[in-house]
């Protein structure tokens, strides 16, 4: 997934909305969480602190950071004799 943005959303004259943030967060998976986090961060960085899109974006950035580092559980308990692999943030 690229971190490139839609031209409309990257236009400085575009009024960022809650729907813009929701469109980015809609398909978040551990694999793409950090890229999505960065895109949302760029989208909301110039908004006032009390702007609804910024508040939602900040919550989503925190969720995507957690998802990106610990949201992936690899392996399953259902495989006889094998333990699941640790999440990425558990590996030393």
C-alpha atoms as a PDB file:
ATOM      1  CA  UNK A   1       0.000   0.000   0.000  1.00  0.00           C
ATOM      2  CA  UNK A   2       1.323   3.365  -0.955  1.00  0.00           C
ATOM      3  CA  UNK A   3       1.287   6.346   1.335  1.00  0.00           C
ATOM      4  CA  UNK A   4       0.319   8.529  -1.619  1.00  0.00           C
ATOM      5  CA  UNK A   5      -2.858  10.479  -1.070  1.00  0.00           C
ATOM      6  CA  UNK A   6      -5.823  11.244  -3.268  1.00  0.00           C
ATOM      7  CA  UNK A   7      -5.298  14.617  -4.945  1.00  0.00           C
ATOM      8  CA  UNK A   8      -8.547  15.956  -3.487  1.00  0.00           C
ATOM      9  CA  UNK A   9      -7.523  15.152   0.103  1.00  0.00           C
ATOM     10  CA  UNK A  10      -4.024  16.591  -0.315  1.00  0.00           C
ATOM     11  CA  UNK A  11      -5.297  19.880  -1.751  1.00  0.00           C
ATOM     12  CA  UNK A  12      -4.778  22.584   0.933  1.00  0.00           C
ATOM     13  CA  UNK A  13      -8.189  24.050   0.065  1.00  0.00           C
ATOM     14  CA  UNK A  14      -9.953  20.753   0.896  1.00  0.00           C
ATOM     15  CA  UNK A  15     -12.058  20.878   4.064  1.00  0.00           C
ATOM     16  CA  UNK A  16     -11.136  17.686   5.919  1.00  0.00           C
ATOM     17  CA  UNK A  17     -14.144  15.805   7.258  1.00  0.00           C
ATOM     18  CA  UNK A  18     -14.794  12.897   9.586  1.00  0.00           C
ATOM     19  CA  UNK A  19     -15.693  10.903   6.467  1.00  0.00           C
ATOM     20  CA  UNK A  20     -12.182  11.483   5.081  1.00  0.00           C
ATOM     21  CA  UNK A  21     -10.729   9.887   8.214  1.00  0.00           C
ATOM     22  CA  UNK A  22     -13.261   7.044   8.102  1.00  0.00           C
ATOM     23  CA  UNK A  23     -12.413   6.276   4.481  1.00  0.00           C
ATOM     24  CA  UNK A  24      -8.774   5.803   5.430  1.00  0.00           C
ATOM     25  CA  UNK A  25      -9.437   3.732   8.542  1.00  0.00           C
ATOM     26  CA  UNK A  26     -12.014   1.474   6.879  1.00  0.00           C
ATOM     27  CA  UNK A  27      -9.671  -1.258   5.662  1.00  0.00           C
ATOM     28  CA  UNK A  28      -7.076  -1.254   8.409  1.00  0.00           C
ATOM     29  CA  UNK A  29      -5.164  -4.484   8.926  1.00  0.00           C
ATOM     30  CA  UNK A  30      -1.925  -5.118  10.835  1.00  0.00           C
ATOM     31  CA  UNK A  31      -0.004  -5.186   7.560  1.00  0.00           C
ATOM     32  CA  UNK A  32      -1.064  -1.670   6.540  1.00  0.00           C
ATOM     33  CA  UNK A  33      -1.787  -0.086   9.925  1.00  0.00           C
ATOM     34  CA  UNK A  34       1.353   2.049  10.110  1.00  0.00           C
ATOM     35  CA  UNK A  35       0.960   3.394   6.575  1.00  0.00           C
ATOM     36  CA  UNK A  36      -2.663   4.297   7.309  1.00  0.00           C
ATOM     37  CA  UNK A  37      -1.587   5.907  10.589  1.00  0.00           C
ATOM     38  CA  UNK A  38       0.846   8.134   8.687  1.00  0.00           C
ATOM     39  CA  UNK A  39      -1.745   9.107   6.087  1.00  0.00           C
ATOM     40  CA  UNK A  40      -4.280  10.059   8.762  1.00  0.00           C
ATOM     41  CA  UNK A  41      -1.599  12.027  10.615  1.00  0.00           C
ATOM     42  CA  UNK A  42      -0.819  14.079   7.521  1.00  0.00           C
ATOM     43  CA  UNK A  43      -4.520  14.589   6.852  1.00  0.00           C
ATOM     44  CA  UNK A  44      -5.309  16.036  10.289  1.00  0.00           C
ATOM     45  CA  UNK A  45      -2.052  17.772  11.248  1.00  0.00           C
ATOM     46  CA  UNK A  46      -3.259  21.259  10.321  1.00  0.00           C
ATOM     47  CA  UNK A  47      -6.729  20.976  11.858  1.00  0.00           C
ATOM     48  CA  UNK A  48      -7.584  22.742  15.125  1.00  0.00           C
ATOM     49  CA  UNK A  49      -7.483  20.524  18.213  1.00  0.00           C
ATOM     50  CA  UNK A  50     -11.250  20.644  18.690  1.00  0.00           C
ATOM     51  CA  UNK A  51     -12.066  19.699  15.076  1.00  0.00           C
ATOM     52  CA  UNK A  52     -14.157  16.467  14.965  1.00  0.00           C
ATOM     53  CA  UNK A  53     -11.995  14.929  12.209  1.00  0.00           C
ATOM     54  CA  UNK A  54      -8.839  15.615  14.222  1.00  0.00           C
ATOM     55  CA  UNK A  55     -10.284  14.077  17.392  1.00  0.00           C
ATOM     56  CA  UNK A  56     -11.355  10.943  15.490  1.00  0.00           C
ATOM     57  CA  UNK A  57      -8.029  10.853  13.655  1.00  0.00           C
ATOM     58  CA  UNK A  58      -6.030  10.980  16.886  1.00  0.00           C
ATOM     59  CA  UNK A  59      -8.046   8.089  18.321  1.00  0.00           C
ATOM     60  CA  UNK A  60      -7.519   6.147  15.122  1.00  0.00           C
ATOM     61  CA  UNK A  61      -3.776   6.870  15.086  1.00  0.00           C
ATOM     62  CA  UNK A  62      -3.477   5.360  18.576  1.00  0.00           C
ATOM     63  CA  UNK A  63      -5.499   2.283  17.519  1.00  0.00           C
ATOM     64  CA  UNK A  64      -3.485   1.812  14.325  1.00  0.00           C
ATOM     65  CA  UNK A  65      -0.198   2.097  16.229  1.00  0.00           C
ATOM     66  CA  UNK A  66      -1.320  -0.679  18.594  1.00  0.00           C
ATOM     67  CA  UNK A  67      -2.604  -2.755  15.674  1.00  0.00           C
ATOM     68  CA  UNK A  68       0.604  -2.294  13.701  1.00  0.00           C
ATOM     69  CA  UNK A  69       2.849  -3.520  16.508  1.00  0.00           C
ATOM     70  CA  UNK A  70       0.753  -6.112  18.311  1.00  0.00           C
ATOM     71  CA  UNK A  71      -2.395  -6.799  16.314  1.00  0.00           C
ATOM     72  CA  UNK A  72      -1.099  -9.762  14.388  1.00  0.00           C
ATOM     73  CA  UNK A  73      -1.285 -13.166  16.024  1.00  0.00           C
ATOM     74  CA  UNK A  74       0.542 -15.713  13.932  1.00  0.00           C
ATOM     75  CA  UNK A  75      -0.254 -19.413  14.115  1.00  0.00           C
ATOM     76  CA  UNK A  76      -3.091 -20.990  16.017  1.00  0.00           C
ATOM     77  CA  UNK A  77      -3.488 -23.141  19.098  1.00  0.00           C
ATOM     78  CA  UNK A  78      -5.319 -25.711  16.960  1.00  0.00           C
ATOM     79  CA  UNK A  79      -2.144 -27.198  15.477  1.00  0.00           C
ATOM     80  CA  UNK A  80      -1.082 -30.224  17.537  1.00  0.00           C
ATOM     81  CA  UNK A  81       2.320 -29.765  19.170  1.00  0.00           C
ATOM     82  CA  UNK A  82       2.829 -26.204  17.952  1.00  0.00           C
ATOM     83  CA  UNK A  83       2.490 -23.012  19.933  1.00  0.00           C
ATOM     84  CA  UNK A  84       1.368 -19.845  18.136  1.00  0.00           C
ATOM     85  CA  UNK A  85       4.182 -17.453  17.233  1.00  0.00           C
ATOM     86  CA  UNK A  86       4.368 -14.298  19.360  1.00  0.00           C
ATOM     87  CA  UNK A  87       3.093 -10.952  18.128  1.00  0.00           C
ATOM     88  CA  UNK A  88       5.706  -8.753  16.482  1.00  0.00           C
ATOM     89  CA  UNK A  89       6.185  -6.603  19.612  1.00  0.00           C
ATOM     90  CA  UNK A  90       6.831  -9.701  21.774  1.00  0.00           C
ATOM     91  CA  UNK A  91       9.896 -10.802  19.766  1.00  0.00           C
ATOM     92  CA  UNK A  92      13.178  -9.828  21.406  1.00  0.00           C
END
